Amino acid sequence: MLACALVGCGSTPPDTSKLSGMAPRELSELGAEAGGTSEGGGVMGYLGGLGKKALEATGLKKPEVPELPKVPDSALPDRRIDWRIHASPSLNVTEQGQSLALLTRLYRLRSPDAFLQAAPDTFGDPTKEKEVLGDDLVSVREVQLIPGKPYETTEKVPRDVRYVGIVGLFRAPATNRWRYAFSTASAERSGLTLGAHACAISVQTGEPIGQPIKVVRSAAVTCP
């Protein structure tokens, strides 16, 4: 009697006929339901969850990876911008068709807004430039172009300087073709190749801010 009580002699044997007709996937799902695990997690996922809960219960947690501090722009290496300016033999021409040297000014800017909106007579006068451009102006230098002569240089620009600009002080400049501003990030990738002509500057490589590419690529300009 004691033996029957332990093994359940009087109970009905379990019906396994339904199990024999189940597909392997159905059996797997049945086992997942019985074991408290999901198809996606499986046994290892279930055990992993138990381990995580055990750590949390004892006050221990998996250490979180701290975020790396953002490196300031001033700590990054300078950008390198390649300037290539090709001066036409017909440069800054007079009414009689005589070519003249052209004084250009290269600017480093925090923002291009005031630079692009300033009146033409702002440029070339350091006092007026500082007054109009204000804190947007970081520095400026001059380059004199000679008719028919190229000018090339690689300029190192600090990372916190976001823009560079160029102004050609033509005797009689063509409208909207004597001044450009560029993003330093874009200019570093592409380099800047420009042409200086009778009364305008063309941009062969580079993307000037606020100017149609098709227009600035053209060197065909009607001078005033």
N, C-alpha and C. Protein backbone atom coordinates (compact mmCIF):
# COMPACT_ATOMS: atom_id res chain seq x y z
N MET A 1 0.83 -1.20 0.00
CA MET A 1 0.00 0.00 0.00
C MET A 1 0.86 1.25 0.00
N LEU A 2 1.92 1.18 0.85
CA LEU A 2 2.82 2.34 0.90
C LEU A 2 3.46 2.59 -0.45
N ALA A 3 3.85 1.51 -1.14
CA ALA A 3 4.47 1.66 -2.47
C ALA A 3 3.50 2.23 -3.46
N CYS A 4 2.21 1.77 -3.40
CA CYS A 4 1.21 2.29 -4.33
C CYS A 4 0.92 3.75 -4.07
N ALA A 5 0.95 4.09 -2.80
CA ALA A 5 0.69 5.50 -2.47
C ALA A 5 1.77 6.39 -3.03
N LEU A 6 3.03 5.90 -3.01
CA LEU A 6 4.14 6.72 -3.50
C LEU A 6 4.11 6.87 -5.01
N VAL A 7 3.80 5.82 -5.74
CA VAL A 7 3.87 5.88 -7.20
C VAL A 7 2.54 6.12 -7.84
N GLY A 8 1.47 6.15 -7.06
CA GLY A 8 0.16 6.43 -7.64
C GLY A 8 -0.39 5.26 -8.40
N CYS A 9 -0.51 4.06 -7.71
CA CYS A 9 -0.98 2.87 -8.40
C CYS A 9 -2.39 3.03 -8.91
N GLY A 10 -3.23 3.73 -8.14
CA GLY A 10 -4.62 3.81 -8.52
C GLY A 10 -4.93 4.91 -9.50
N SER A 11 -3.94 5.77 -9.87
CA SER A 11 -4.21 6.89 -10.78
C SER A 11 -4.18 6.44 -12.23
N THR A 12 -4.84 7.24 -13.10
CA THR A 12 -4.90 6.92 -14.53
C THR A 12 -3.61 7.36 -15.21
N PRO A 13 -2.98 6.49 -16.03
CA PRO A 13 -1.72 6.88 -16.72
C PRO A 13 -1.95 8.09 -17.61
N PRO A 14 -0.96 8.97 -17.73
CA PRO A 14 -1.11 10.15 -18.58
C PRO A 14 -1.30 9.76 -20.04
N ASP A 15 -2.14 10.54 -20.71
CA ASP A 15 -2.43 10.30 -22.13
C ASP A 15 -1.38 10.97 -22.99
N THR A 16 -0.54 10.17 -23.62
CA THR A 16 0.55 10.70 -24.47
C THR A 16 0.22 10.61 -25.94
N SER A 17 -1.00 10.23 -26.27
CA SER A 17 -1.35 10.06 -27.68
C SER A 17 -1.33 11.38 -28.43
N LYS A 18 -1.69 12.48 -27.74
CA LYS A 18 -1.68 13.78 -28.40
C LYS A 18 -0.27 14.26 -28.68
N LEU A 19 0.66 13.92 -27.79
CA LEU A 19 2.05 14.35 -27.98
C LEU A 19 2.67 13.69 -29.20
N SER A 20 2.31 12.44 -29.45
CA SER A 20 2.93 11.73 -30.57
C SER A 20 2.56 12.33 -31.91
N GLY A 21 1.42 13.05 -31.95
CA GLY A 21 1.01 13.65 -33.22
C GLY A 21 1.46 15.07 -33.41
N MET A 22 2.13 15.61 -32.41
CA MET A 22 2.57 17.02 -32.50
C MET A 22 3.84 17.15 -33.33
N ALA A 23 3.92 18.27 -34.03
CA ALA A 23 5.15 18.59 -34.76
C ALA A 23 6.21 19.04 -33.79
N PRO A 24 7.50 18.97 -34.18
CA PRO A 24 8.58 19.42 -33.28
C PRO A 24 8.39 20.85 -32.81
N ARG A 25 7.90 21.73 -33.66
CA ARG A 25 7.73 23.13 -33.25
C ARG A 25 6.68 23.25 -32.15
N GLU A 26 5.58 22.45 -32.29
CA GLU A 26 4.53 22.50 -31.28
C GLU A 26 5.04 22.00 -29.95
N LEU A 27 5.86 20.95 -30.00
CA LEU A 27 6.45 20.44 -28.77
C LEU A 27 7.35 21.47 -28.12
N SER A 28 8.11 22.18 -28.96
CA SER A 28 9.00 23.21 -28.44
C SER A 28 8.22 24.30 -27.75
N GLU A 29 7.10 24.72 -28.39
CA GLU A 29 6.29 25.77 -27.79
C GLU A 29 5.67 25.31 -26.49
N LEU A 30 5.25 24.03 -26.47
CA LEU A 30 4.67 23.49 -25.25
C LEU A 30 5.69 23.49 -24.13
N GLY A 31 6.93 23.11 -24.46
CA GLY A 31 7.97 23.12 -23.45
C GLY A 31 8.28 24.52 -22.97
N ALA A 32 8.22 25.51 -23.88
CA ALA A 32 8.48 26.88 -23.48
C ALA A 32 7.44 27.37 -22.51
N GLU A 33 6.15 27.01 -22.77
CA GLU A 33 5.09 27.44 -21.87
C GLU A 33 5.26 26.81 -20.50
N ALA A 34 5.63 25.54 -20.49
CA ALA A 34 5.78 24.86 -19.22
C ALA A 34 6.96 25.38 -18.44
N GLY A 35 8.04 25.73 -19.14
CA GLY A 35 9.24 26.18 -18.46
C GLY A 35 9.28 27.65 -18.19
N GLY A 36 8.31 28.43 -18.70
CA GLY A 36 8.27 29.86 -18.43
C GLY A 36 9.22 30.65 -19.29
N THR A 37 9.66 30.11 -20.44
CA THR A 37 10.57 30.83 -21.32
C THR A 37 9.87 31.11 -22.62
N SER A 38 10.39 32.08 -23.38
CA SER A 38 9.83 32.43 -24.68
C SER A 38 10.65 31.80 -25.78
N GLU A 39 10.05 31.76 -26.96
CA GLU A 39 10.76 31.19 -28.12
C GLU A 39 12.00 31.99 -28.43
N GLY A 40 11.92 33.34 -28.30
CA GLY A 40 13.04 34.19 -28.64
C GLY A 40 14.17 34.06 -27.64
N GLY A 41 13.83 33.94 -26.33
CA GLY A 41 14.86 33.93 -25.31
C GLY A 41 15.47 32.56 -25.12
N GLY A 42 14.65 31.51 -25.13
CA GLY A 42 15.13 30.17 -24.91
C GLY A 42 15.57 29.98 -23.47
N VAL A 43 16.18 28.82 -23.22
CA VAL A 43 16.61 28.48 -21.86
C VAL A 43 17.69 29.43 -21.37
N MET A 44 18.65 29.77 -22.26
CA MET A 44 19.75 30.64 -21.86
C MET A 44 19.24 32.03 -21.48
N GLY A 45 18.26 32.52 -22.27
CA GLY A 45 17.69 33.82 -21.93
C GLY A 45 16.99 33.80 -20.60
N TYR A 46 16.28 32.69 -20.34
CA TYR A 46 15.57 32.55 -19.06
C TYR A 46 16.55 32.53 -17.91
N LEU A 47 17.64 31.73 -18.06
CA LEU A 47 18.65 31.67 -17.00
C LEU A 47 19.35 33.00 -16.81
N GLY A 48 19.58 33.70 -17.95
CA GLY A 48 20.21 35.02 -17.84
C GLY A 48 19.36 35.99 -17.07
N GLY A 49 18.03 35.92 -17.31
CA GLY A 49 17.12 36.79 -16.57
C GLY A 49 17.13 36.49 -15.09
N LEU A 50 17.18 35.19 -14.75
CA LEU A 50 17.26 34.82 -13.34
C LEU A 50 18.53 35.33 -12.69
N GLY A 51 19.65 35.24 -13.45
CA GLY A 51 20.91 35.73 -12.91
C GLY A 51 20.89 37.22 -12.66
N LYS A 52 20.27 37.97 -13.58
CA LYS A 52 20.18 39.43 -13.41
C LYS A 52 19.36 39.78 -12.18
N LYS A 53 18.22 39.06 -12.01
CA LYS A 53 17.38 39.33 -10.85
C LYS A 53 18.09 38.98 -9.56
N ALA A 54 18.90 37.91 -9.59
CA ALA A 54 19.64 37.52 -8.39
C ALA A 54 20.65 38.59 -8.01
N LEU A 55 21.34 39.17 -9.03
CA LEU A 55 22.30 40.24 -8.74
C LEU A 55 21.61 41.46 -8.17
N GLU A 56 20.45 41.81 -8.73
CA GLU A 56 19.72 42.98 -8.23
C GLU A 56 19.23 42.74 -6.82
N ALA A 57 18.84 41.50 -6.50
CA ALA A 57 18.35 41.19 -5.16
C ALA A 57 19.45 41.33 -4.12
N THR A 58 20.70 41.09 -4.51
CA THR A 58 21.82 41.22 -3.57
C THR A 58 22.46 42.60 -3.60
N GLY A 59 21.86 43.51 -4.37
CA GLY A 59 22.40 44.87 -4.44
C GLY A 59 23.49 45.05 -5.46
N LEU A 60 23.74 44.03 -6.28
CA LEU A 60 24.79 44.12 -7.30
C LEU A 60 24.15 44.29 -8.67
N LYS A 61 24.74 45.14 -9.49
CA LYS A 61 24.26 45.36 -10.85
C LYS A 61 25.43 45.37 -11.81
N LYS A 62 25.14 45.07 -13.06
CA LYS A 62 26.17 45.15 -14.09
C LYS A 62 26.60 46.61 -14.25
N PRO A 63 27.89 46.88 -14.16
CA PRO A 63 28.33 48.28 -14.24
C PRO A 63 27.99 48.91 -15.58
N GLU A 64 27.50 50.15 -15.55
CA GLU A 64 27.17 50.87 -16.78
C GLU A 64 28.42 51.53 -17.35
N VAL A 65 28.55 51.49 -18.67
CA VAL A 65 29.70 52.10 -19.33
C VAL A 65 29.50 53.61 -19.37
N PRO A 66 30.40 54.38 -18.78
CA PRO A 66 30.22 55.84 -18.76
C PRO A 66 30.38 56.45 -20.15
N GLU A 67 29.65 57.52 -20.42
CA GLU A 67 29.78 58.22 -21.69
C GLU A 67 31.09 59.00 -21.73
N LEU A 68 31.74 58.95 -22.88
CA LEU A 68 32.99 59.68 -23.04
C LEU A 68 32.70 61.18 -23.14
N PRO A 69 33.49 62.01 -22.48
CA PRO A 69 33.26 63.46 -22.57
C PRO A 69 33.49 63.96 -23.99
N LYS A 70 32.69 64.94 -24.41
CA LYS A 70 32.83 65.51 -25.74
C LYS A 70 34.10 66.36 -25.81
N VAL A 71 34.88 66.12 -26.85
CA VAL A 71 36.12 66.87 -27.03
C VAL A 71 35.79 68.24 -27.62
N PRO A 72 36.21 69.33 -26.97
CA PRO A 72 35.92 70.67 -27.52
C PRO A 72 36.64 70.90 -28.84
N ASP A 73 36.05 71.75 -29.68
CA ASP A 73 36.65 72.04 -30.99
C ASP A 73 38.07 72.55 -30.87
N SER A 74 38.32 73.33 -29.81
CA SER A 74 39.65 73.92 -29.64
C SER A 74 40.73 72.88 -29.40
N ALA A 75 40.32 71.67 -28.97
CA ALA A 75 41.29 70.60 -28.71
C ALA A 75 41.55 69.74 -29.94
N LEU A 76 40.75 69.91 -30.99
CA LEU A 76 40.92 69.13 -32.21
C LEU A 76 41.96 69.78 -33.12
N PRO A 77 42.60 69.00 -33.98
CA PRO A 77 43.60 69.57 -34.90
C PRO A 77 42.96 70.56 -35.87
N ASP A 78 43.76 71.53 -36.32
CA ASP A 78 43.27 72.53 -37.26
C ASP A 78 42.82 71.88 -38.57
N ARG A 79 41.83 72.51 -39.20
CA ARG A 79 41.45 72.10 -40.54
C ARG A 79 42.49 72.62 -41.54
N ARG A 80 42.62 71.93 -42.64
CA ARG A 80 43.55 72.35 -43.70
C ARG A 80 42.73 72.61 -44.97
N ILE A 81 42.72 73.87 -45.37
CA ILE A 81 41.93 74.28 -46.53
C ILE A 81 42.87 74.69 -47.66
N ASP A 82 42.72 74.04 -48.80
CA ASP A 82 43.54 74.35 -49.97
C ASP A 82 42.86 75.45 -50.79
N TRP A 83 43.53 76.60 -50.88
CA TRP A 83 43.06 77.70 -51.73
C TRP A 83 43.82 77.67 -53.05
N ARG A 84 43.09 77.71 -54.16
CA ARG A 84 43.70 77.83 -55.49
C ARG A 84 42.94 78.92 -56.24
N ILE A 85 43.62 80.02 -56.50
CA ILE A 85 42.98 81.14 -57.19
C ILE A 85 43.75 81.40 -58.48
N HIS A 86 43.07 81.26 -59.60
CA HIS A 86 43.69 81.47 -60.91
C HIS A 86 43.27 82.84 -61.44
N ALA A 87 44.24 83.72 -61.56
CA ALA A 87 43.96 85.08 -62.05
C ALA A 87 44.00 85.09 -63.57
N SER A 88 42.94 85.59 -64.17
CA SER A 88 42.86 85.69 -65.62
C SER A 88 43.84 86.75 -66.14
N PRO A 89 44.33 86.59 -67.37
CA PRO A 89 45.13 87.68 -67.97
C PRO A 89 44.32 88.97 -68.07
N SER A 90 43.00 88.82 -68.21
CA SER A 90 42.12 90.01 -68.22
C SER A 90 41.54 90.17 -66.81
N LEU A 91 42.34 90.73 -65.93
CA LEU A 91 41.98 90.82 -64.52
C LEU A 91 41.68 92.26 -64.12
N ASN A 92 40.53 92.46 -63.50
CA ASN A 92 40.19 93.77 -62.94
C ASN A 92 40.40 94.88 -63.98
N VAL A 93 39.80 94.69 -65.12
CA VAL A 93 40.11 95.56 -66.27
C VAL A 93 39.51 96.96 -66.12
N THR A 94 40.18 97.90 -66.75
CA THR A 94 39.69 99.28 -66.78
C THR A 94 38.72 99.45 -67.95
N GLU A 95 38.17 100.64 -68.08
CA GLU A 95 37.26 100.91 -69.19
C GLU A 95 37.97 100.81 -70.53
N GLN A 96 39.26 101.01 -70.52
CA GLN A 96 40.06 100.91 -71.75
C GLN A 96 40.53 99.47 -72.00
N GLY A 97 40.17 98.53 -71.12
CA GLY A 97 40.55 97.13 -71.31
C GLY A 97 41.89 96.76 -70.73
N GLN A 98 42.49 97.63 -69.95
CA GLN A 98 43.79 97.34 -69.35
C GLN A 98 43.61 96.49 -68.09
N SER A 99 44.43 95.46 -67.96
CA SER A 99 44.37 94.60 -66.78
C SER A 99 45.13 95.23 -65.62
N LEU A 100 44.58 95.06 -64.42
CA LEU A 100 45.20 95.57 -63.20
C LEU A 100 45.32 94.45 -62.17
N ALA A 101 46.24 94.62 -61.24
CA ALA A 101 46.32 93.69 -60.11
C ALA A 101 45.02 93.80 -59.30
N LEU A 102 44.67 92.72 -58.62
CA LEU A 102 43.44 92.69 -57.83
C LEU A 102 43.78 92.36 -56.38
N LEU A 103 43.35 93.21 -55.47
CA LEU A 103 43.53 92.96 -54.05
C LEU A 103 42.34 92.14 -53.55
N THR A 104 42.63 90.97 -52.99
CA THR A 104 41.58 90.14 -52.39
C THR A 104 41.82 90.06 -50.89
N ARG A 105 40.73 89.87 -50.16
CA ARG A 105 40.82 89.73 -48.70
C ARG A 105 40.17 88.40 -48.31
N LEU A 106 40.92 87.62 -47.54
CA LEU A 106 40.47 86.31 -47.08
C LEU A 106 40.11 86.40 -45.60
N TYR A 107 38.90 85.98 -45.27
CA TYR A 107 38.35 86.16 -43.93
C TYR A 107 38.15 84.82 -43.22
N ARG A 108 38.34 84.85 -41.91
CA ARG A 108 37.91 83.76 -41.04
C ARG A 108 36.73 84.28 -40.23
N LEU A 109 35.65 83.50 -40.23
CA LEU A 109 34.39 84.00 -39.67
C LEU A 109 33.75 82.97 -38.73
N ARG A 110 33.10 83.49 -37.69
CA ARG A 110 32.29 82.63 -36.82
C ARG A 110 30.91 82.39 -37.42
N SER A 111 30.42 83.38 -38.14
CA SER A 111 29.13 83.29 -38.84
C SER A 111 29.25 84.05 -40.15
N PRO A 112 28.58 83.60 -41.20
CA PRO A 112 28.68 84.29 -42.49
C PRO A 112 27.62 85.37 -42.69
N ASP A 113 26.68 85.50 -41.77
CA ASP A 113 25.51 86.35 -42.00
C ASP A 113 25.87 87.81 -42.24
N ALA A 114 26.54 88.43 -41.28
CA ALA A 114 26.89 89.85 -41.43
C ALA A 114 27.82 90.06 -42.61
N PHE A 115 28.72 89.11 -42.85
CA PHE A 115 29.66 89.20 -43.96
C PHE A 115 28.92 89.26 -45.29
N LEU A 116 27.93 88.39 -45.47
CA LEU A 116 27.21 88.32 -46.74
C LEU A 116 26.22 89.46 -46.93
N GLN A 117 25.86 90.14 -45.85
CA GLN A 117 24.89 91.23 -45.94
C GLN A 117 25.54 92.61 -45.96
N ALA A 118 26.83 92.67 -45.69
CA ALA A 118 27.51 93.97 -45.60
C ALA A 118 27.59 94.66 -46.96
N ALA A 119 27.54 95.97 -46.94
CA ALA A 119 27.65 96.77 -48.16
C ALA A 119 29.05 96.67 -48.73
N PRO A 120 29.21 96.83 -50.04
CA PRO A 120 30.53 96.71 -50.66
C PRO A 120 31.58 97.65 -50.07
N ASP A 121 31.17 98.87 -49.67
CA ASP A 121 32.17 99.81 -49.15
C ASP A 121 32.64 99.46 -47.74
N THR A 122 32.10 98.37 -47.17
CA THR A 122 32.57 97.90 -45.86
C THR A 122 33.97 97.33 -45.96
N PHE A 123 34.25 96.67 -47.07
CA PHE A 123 35.46 95.87 -47.18
C PHE A 123 36.64 96.69 -47.68
N GLY A 124 37.79 96.37 -47.10
CA GLY A 124 39.00 97.12 -47.40
C GLY A 124 39.31 98.16 -46.35
N ASP A 125 38.34 98.48 -45.51
CA ASP A 125 38.52 99.43 -44.41
C ASP A 125 38.47 98.63 -43.10
N PRO A 126 39.62 98.35 -42.46
CA PRO A 126 39.64 97.51 -41.26
C PRO A 126 38.72 98.01 -40.15
N THR A 127 38.65 99.33 -39.97
CA THR A 127 37.80 99.88 -38.92
C THR A 127 36.33 99.60 -39.20
N LYS A 128 35.92 99.82 -40.44
CA LYS A 128 34.52 99.58 -40.79
C LYS A 128 34.19 98.09 -40.77
N GLU A 129 35.15 97.26 -41.17
CA GLU A 129 34.91 95.81 -41.12
C GLU A 129 34.64 95.34 -39.70
N LYS A 130 35.45 95.81 -38.75
CA LYS A 130 35.24 95.42 -37.35
C LYS A 130 33.91 95.92 -36.83
N GLU A 131 33.54 97.11 -37.26
CA GLU A 131 32.28 97.70 -36.81
C GLU A 131 31.08 96.93 -37.36
N VAL A 132 31.13 96.56 -38.63
CA VAL A 132 29.98 95.91 -39.27
C VAL A 132 29.95 94.41 -38.96
N LEU A 133 31.08 93.76 -39.02
CA LEU A 133 31.11 92.31 -38.82
C LEU A 133 31.11 91.92 -37.35
N GLY A 134 31.60 92.79 -36.49
CA GLY A 134 31.56 92.55 -35.05
C GLY A 134 32.28 91.28 -34.65
N ASP A 135 31.64 90.51 -33.75
CA ASP A 135 32.26 89.29 -33.23
C ASP A 135 32.33 88.17 -34.26
N ASP A 136 31.64 88.33 -35.38
CA ASP A 136 31.72 87.30 -36.43
C ASP A 136 33.10 87.24 -37.07
N LEU A 137 33.82 88.35 -37.03
CA LEU A 137 35.14 88.43 -37.66
C LEU A 137 36.21 87.89 -36.72
N VAL A 138 36.92 86.86 -37.18
CA VAL A 138 38.03 86.30 -36.42
C VAL A 138 39.34 86.92 -36.86
N SER A 139 39.59 86.91 -38.17
CA SER A 139 40.81 87.50 -38.71
C SER A 139 40.64 87.72 -40.20
N VAL A 140 41.55 88.49 -40.78
CA VAL A 140 41.52 88.76 -42.21
C VAL A 140 42.95 88.97 -42.70
N ARG A 141 43.22 88.55 -43.92
CA ARG A 141 44.53 88.79 -44.52
C ARG A 141 44.33 89.13 -45.99
N GLU A 142 45.33 89.77 -46.57
CA GLU A 142 45.23 90.23 -47.95
C GLU A 142 46.12 89.41 -48.87
N VAL A 143 45.63 89.20 -50.08
CA VAL A 143 46.40 88.55 -51.14
C VAL A 143 46.23 89.38 -52.40
N GLN A 144 47.34 89.78 -52.98
CA GLN A 144 47.28 90.55 -54.23
C GLN A 144 47.51 89.61 -55.41
N LEU A 145 46.53 89.59 -56.31
CA LEU A 145 46.61 88.74 -57.49
C LEU A 145 47.17 89.53 -58.67
N ILE A 146 48.02 88.86 -59.44
CA ILE A 146 48.64 89.46 -60.62
C ILE A 146 48.01 88.83 -61.86
N PRO A 147 47.68 89.63 -62.87
CA PRO A 147 47.06 89.08 -64.09
C PRO A 147 47.85 87.90 -64.65
N GLY A 148 47.16 86.80 -64.89
CA GLY A 148 47.78 85.62 -65.48
C GLY A 148 48.55 84.74 -64.52
N LYS A 149 48.61 85.09 -63.24
CA LYS A 149 49.40 84.33 -62.27
C LYS A 149 48.47 83.60 -61.28
N PRO A 150 48.78 82.32 -61.00
CA PRO A 150 47.97 81.59 -60.01
C PRO A 150 48.47 81.86 -58.59
N TYR A 151 47.59 81.68 -57.65
CA TYR A 151 47.95 81.77 -56.23
C TYR A 151 47.44 80.50 -55.56
N GLU A 152 48.32 79.81 -54.86
CA GLU A 152 47.94 78.58 -54.17
C GLU A 152 48.54 78.57 -52.77
N THR A 153 47.74 78.11 -51.81
CA THR A 153 48.23 78.00 -50.44
C THR A 153 47.35 77.01 -49.69
N THR A 154 47.90 76.42 -48.66
CA THR A 154 47.13 75.58 -47.73
C THR A 154 47.05 76.32 -46.41
N GLU A 155 45.85 76.64 -46.02
CA GLU A 155 45.63 77.44 -44.81
C GLU A 155 45.16 76.54 -43.66
N LYS A 156 45.81 76.68 -42.52
CA LYS A 156 45.37 75.97 -41.32
C LYS A 156 44.36 76.85 -40.58
N VAL A 157 43.18 76.27 -40.35
CA VAL A 157 42.09 77.03 -39.73
C VAL A 157 41.65 76.31 -38.46
N PRO A 158 41.62 76.98 -37.31
CA PRO A 158 41.15 76.35 -36.08
C PRO A 158 39.74 75.79 -36.23
N ARG A 159 39.45 74.72 -35.51
CA ARG A 159 38.16 74.05 -35.64
C ARG A 159 36.99 74.93 -35.22
N ASP A 160 37.23 75.85 -34.29
CA ASP A 160 36.11 76.68 -33.84
C ASP A 160 35.81 77.82 -34.82
N VAL A 161 36.59 77.93 -35.89
CA VAL A 161 36.26 78.87 -36.98
C VAL A 161 35.42 78.10 -38.00
N ARG A 162 34.16 78.46 -38.11
CA ARG A 162 33.22 77.67 -38.90
C ARG A 162 33.17 78.05 -40.38
N TYR A 163 33.63 79.26 -40.70
CA TYR A 163 33.46 79.75 -42.08
C TYR A 163 34.69 80.53 -42.52
N VAL A 164 34.91 80.53 -43.83
CA VAL A 164 35.91 81.40 -44.44
C VAL A 164 35.22 82.17 -45.56
N GLY A 165 35.77 83.34 -45.87
CA GLY A 165 35.19 84.15 -46.93
C GLY A 165 36.26 84.80 -47.78
N ILE A 166 35.88 85.22 -48.97
CA ILE A 166 36.79 85.94 -49.85
C ILE A 166 36.04 87.12 -50.46
N VAL A 167 36.76 88.24 -50.58
CA VAL A 167 36.23 89.44 -51.24
C VAL A 167 37.26 89.89 -52.26
N GLY A 168 36.79 90.15 -53.48
CA GLY A 168 37.66 90.74 -54.50
C GLY A 168 37.34 92.23 -54.63
N LEU A 169 38.33 93.07 -54.37
CA LEU A 169 38.11 94.53 -54.42
C LEU A 169 38.29 95.02 -55.85
N PHE A 170 37.33 94.66 -56.69
CA PHE A 170 37.38 95.05 -58.10
C PHE A 170 37.13 96.55 -58.27
N ARG A 171 37.66 97.06 -59.34
CA ARG A 171 37.42 98.46 -59.68
C ARG A 171 35.94 98.69 -59.95
N ALA A 172 35.32 97.76 -60.67
CA ALA A 172 33.88 97.83 -60.95
C ALA A 172 33.32 96.41 -60.88
N PRO A 173 32.92 95.94 -59.69
CA PRO A 173 32.52 94.54 -59.52
C PRO A 173 31.15 94.22 -60.13
N ALA A 174 31.02 93.00 -60.63
CA ALA A 174 29.72 92.51 -61.08
C ALA A 174 28.87 92.17 -59.87
N THR A 175 27.58 92.36 -59.99
CA THR A 175 26.66 92.15 -58.87
C THR A 175 26.70 90.71 -58.37
N ASN A 176 26.90 90.57 -57.06
CA ASN A 176 26.88 89.26 -56.38
C ASN A 176 27.96 88.29 -56.83
N ARG A 177 29.02 88.80 -57.49
CA ARG A 177 30.06 87.90 -57.98
C ARG A 177 31.44 88.29 -57.46
N TRP A 178 31.49 89.08 -56.42
CA TRP A 178 32.78 89.54 -55.89
C TRP A 178 33.03 89.08 -54.45
N ARG A 179 32.07 88.37 -53.86
CA ARG A 179 32.17 87.97 -52.45
C ARG A 179 31.53 86.59 -52.26
N TYR A 180 32.23 85.72 -51.51
CA TYR A 180 31.70 84.39 -51.21
C TYR A 180 32.09 83.98 -49.80
N ALA A 181 31.24 83.13 -49.21
CA ALA A 181 31.55 82.51 -47.92
C ALA A 181 31.39 81.00 -48.05
N PHE A 182 32.21 80.26 -47.32
CA PHE A 182 32.20 78.80 -47.39
C PHE A 182 32.25 78.21 -45.99
N SER A 183 31.60 77.08 -45.81
CA SER A 183 31.76 76.30 -44.58
C SER A 183 33.17 75.71 -44.56
N THR A 184 33.86 75.81 -43.43
CA THR A 184 35.22 75.27 -43.36
C THR A 184 35.22 73.74 -43.48
N ALA A 185 34.18 73.09 -42.95
CA ALA A 185 34.11 71.63 -43.05
C ALA A 185 34.00 71.20 -44.51
N SER A 186 33.14 71.88 -45.27
CA SER A 186 32.98 71.56 -46.68
C SER A 186 34.22 71.93 -47.48
N ALA A 187 34.80 73.09 -47.17
CA ALA A 187 35.98 73.55 -47.90
C ALA A 187 37.18 72.64 -47.67
N GLU A 188 37.28 72.08 -46.47
CA GLU A 188 38.38 71.17 -46.20
C GLU A 188 38.25 69.90 -47.05
N ARG A 189 37.04 69.42 -47.22
CA ARG A 189 36.83 68.20 -48.00
C ARG A 189 37.13 68.41 -49.48
N SER A 190 36.64 69.50 -50.04
CA SER A 190 36.72 69.70 -51.49
C SER A 190 37.89 70.56 -51.94
N GLY A 191 38.40 71.41 -51.03
CA GLY A 191 39.33 72.44 -51.46
C GLY A 191 38.55 73.55 -52.14
N LEU A 192 39.19 74.69 -52.35
CA LEU A 192 38.54 75.84 -52.99
C LEU A 192 39.36 76.24 -54.22
N THR A 193 38.75 76.13 -55.38
CA THR A 193 39.38 76.56 -56.62
C THR A 193 38.53 77.67 -57.21
N LEU A 194 39.15 78.85 -57.37
CA LEU A 194 38.42 80.02 -57.85
C LEU A 194 39.14 80.64 -59.03
N GLY A 195 38.38 81.36 -59.82
CA GLY A 195 38.95 82.13 -60.92
C GLY A 195 38.66 83.60 -60.71
N ALA A 196 39.66 84.44 -60.88
CA ALA A 196 39.48 85.89 -60.78
C ALA A 196 39.52 86.47 -62.19
N HIS A 197 38.49 87.23 -62.54
CA HIS A 197 38.31 87.67 -63.92
C HIS A 197 38.25 89.20 -64.01
N ALA A 198 37.68 89.68 -65.08
CA ALA A 198 37.66 91.12 -65.33
C ALA A 198 36.92 91.90 -64.26
N CYS A 199 35.81 91.33 -63.77
CA CYS A 199 35.02 92.04 -62.75
C CYS A 199 34.31 91.09 -61.80
N ALA A 200 34.71 89.81 -61.82
CA ALA A 200 34.00 88.82 -61.02
C ALA A 200 34.93 87.69 -60.61
N ILE A 201 34.46 86.93 -59.62
CA ILE A 201 35.15 85.72 -59.18
C ILE A 201 34.24 84.53 -59.46
N SER A 202 34.78 83.50 -60.09
CA SER A 202 34.03 82.26 -60.30
C SER A 202 34.52 81.22 -59.31
N VAL A 203 33.66 80.26 -59.01
CA VAL A 203 34.00 79.18 -58.07
C VAL A 203 33.93 77.86 -58.83
N GLN A 204 35.08 77.26 -59.09
CA GLN A 204 35.12 76.01 -59.84
C GLN A 204 35.04 74.79 -58.92
N THR A 205 35.58 74.90 -57.73
CA THR A 205 35.49 73.83 -56.73
C THR A 205 35.12 74.46 -55.40
N GLY A 206 34.09 73.92 -54.76
CA GLY A 206 33.60 74.49 -53.51
C GLY A 206 32.14 74.88 -53.65
N GLU A 207 31.47 75.01 -52.52
CA GLU A 207 30.04 75.33 -52.52
C GLU A 207 29.81 76.60 -51.70
N PRO A 208 29.74 77.75 -52.35
CA PRO A 208 29.51 78.99 -51.62
C PRO A 208 28.12 79.04 -51.01
N ILE A 209 28.02 79.66 -49.86
CA ILE A 209 26.76 79.74 -49.14
C ILE A 209 25.82 80.73 -49.83
N GLY A 210 24.58 80.28 -50.08
CA GLY A 210 23.56 81.17 -50.60
C GLY A 210 23.71 81.56 -52.06
N GLN A 211 24.50 80.82 -52.82
CA GLN A 211 24.71 81.14 -54.24
C GLN A 211 24.41 79.92 -55.10
N PRO A 212 23.69 80.09 -56.21
CA PRO A 212 23.43 78.95 -57.11
C PRO A 212 24.72 78.45 -57.73
N ILE A 213 24.94 77.14 -57.64
CA ILE A 213 26.17 76.55 -58.16
C ILE A 213 26.34 76.82 -59.65
N LYS A 214 25.26 76.70 -60.41
CA LYS A 214 25.34 76.89 -61.86
C LYS A 214 25.82 78.30 -62.20
N VAL A 215 25.41 79.27 -61.40
CA VAL A 215 25.79 80.66 -61.67
C VAL A 215 27.26 80.90 -61.34
N VAL A 216 27.69 80.46 -60.17
CA VAL A 216 29.06 80.77 -59.73
C VAL A 216 30.11 79.99 -60.50
N ARG A 217 29.73 78.89 -61.14
CA ARG A 217 30.69 78.13 -61.93
C ARG A 217 31.05 78.86 -63.23
N SER A 218 30.19 79.73 -63.67
CA SER A 218 30.40 80.39 -64.96
C SER A 218 31.36 81.57 -64.83
N ALA A 219 32.25 81.67 -65.81
CA ALA A 219 33.16 82.81 -65.87
C ALA A 219 32.66 83.88 -66.83
N ALA A 220 31.55 83.59 -67.49
CA ALA A 220 30.98 84.55 -68.45
C ALA A 220 30.11 85.56 -67.70
N VAL A 221 30.65 86.73 -67.49
CA VAL A 221 29.96 87.77 -66.72
C VAL A 221 30.01 89.07 -67.51
N THR A 222 28.89 89.76 -67.54
CA THR A 222 28.85 91.09 -68.16
C THR A 222 29.26 92.13 -67.13
N CYS A 223 30.34 92.81 -67.39
CA CYS A 223 30.85 93.79 -66.42
C CYS A 223 30.05 95.09 -66.51
N PRO A 224 29.87 95.78 -65.40
CA PRO A 224 29.14 97.06 -65.40
C PRO A 224 29.90 98.16 -66.13
